Amino acid sequence: MRIGIACPYSWDVPGGVQQHIRDLAEALIGMGHEISVIAPADDDRPLPDYIVPAGKAMPVPYNGSVARLAFGPLSVSRVRRWLKDGGFDVLHVHEPTVPSLSLLACWVASGPIVATVHTAMRRSRVLLATQPVMRSALEKIDGRIAVSEAARTTLVEHLGGDAVLIPNGVATRRYRHARPLDGWPGAGGAIGFLGRMEEPRKGLAVLLKAFEILAAERPRLRLLIAGPGDADEQRHKLPAALRDRAVFLGEVTEEEKVRVLHRSTCSARRTRAASRSASSPPRRWRPGCRSSPATSRPSGRSCAAAARASCSSPGTPKTWPRRRRGCSTTRRAAPSSRWPRSPRSPTTTGTSSPAR
């Protein structure tokens, strides 16, 4: 099949949606399908062969973060050309409610459209106010997917309809092997953090409070923190006696990310209920699982308790507890004949509704 995938966020900036699309595209290519992904990206940046750049993106505050989106005459023109040249059997748009390429593609395209919703948020006046404007695009969607129950709830509350729940998958082969990261995890073990440091919903502030508690119990325990942000500002949130036990790597490549995860005795992340983001499916934490999310009402003490229970005694990775059944991210098969479908307006069925 010829499948077109629309990415709303800049390909030049790491993010969960971009990673999801990349993994999906490469998996489909491996199955023999022809894949083309349109995404905001600079024309002069090195990109995978399947990426079609749609020009520079603009930073816009969105859902507690800063999203880099593309929307305007140039973007419309490039989306039109991409759809015309692609001749796709199926169009797969991600985040169709975000004012970027996916919404434009819905407006312009005709033919089968599948949409995946990643965002989870509380009541949004913006979504409610723009619903009439987006209706002409959203009515053309044939199948809806939500990557988490929280994302599905957001879709139902703000836009109506329903969606099949298909959690994010993990390209496990990419994480099986990694070059050693010299000196890590060390004899005292290490807690790894991967994410944007200055974004509150990512939970680094909670982890730093938890580290203060754990450091008193484990004198040789260290923090390994990777992600964009002001490292000096975050380091000074720790007591002076603990600052040399936290290492900040800054923004890392995909290869370096794998190395960080391999060298962490346990990793800390937020649950979906805590962060209200849908970049990965919700999972219930269990002792023995190396991923140790904070609770739905996160605090330094609760995060420390989770890390204390899930991390084995300090030592080499060979002493890590085995991952118990139910701790890993899994895919759920979508019912083949029960796609929640938006009712089509008689005036839009089988036709294109170009953006103006």
Foldseek 3Di string as FASTA:
>chain_A
DQEEEEDFFECVDDDLSNVLVVVVQVVVVVVPYHYAYEYAYDPPDDDPPRYDHQYFFDWDDDQLRTTTGDADDSSLVVLLVCCVVRVGQEYEYEQCLDRHNRVQNLQFDFHAYEYEYWFADPDDPVLQVCQVVSVQSQQRYFFYEYQEPRRQVVCCVRHNWGHFHWHRDDPVVLQPDADADPCFPHQQFEEEAEEAPPRPLFPPLLQLLLCVVVCVVGVLYAYEYEEADDPVVSLVVHPPVRSVRYDYDYHDDSRVVSNRVQRHLAYEGAACLQNSTRSGYGADDDALARYFYADSPGHSNRSNVSNVRNGDGGDDSVRHGDHDPRRDGDTDDTPPPDGTHRNHDPVPHRHRRHDD
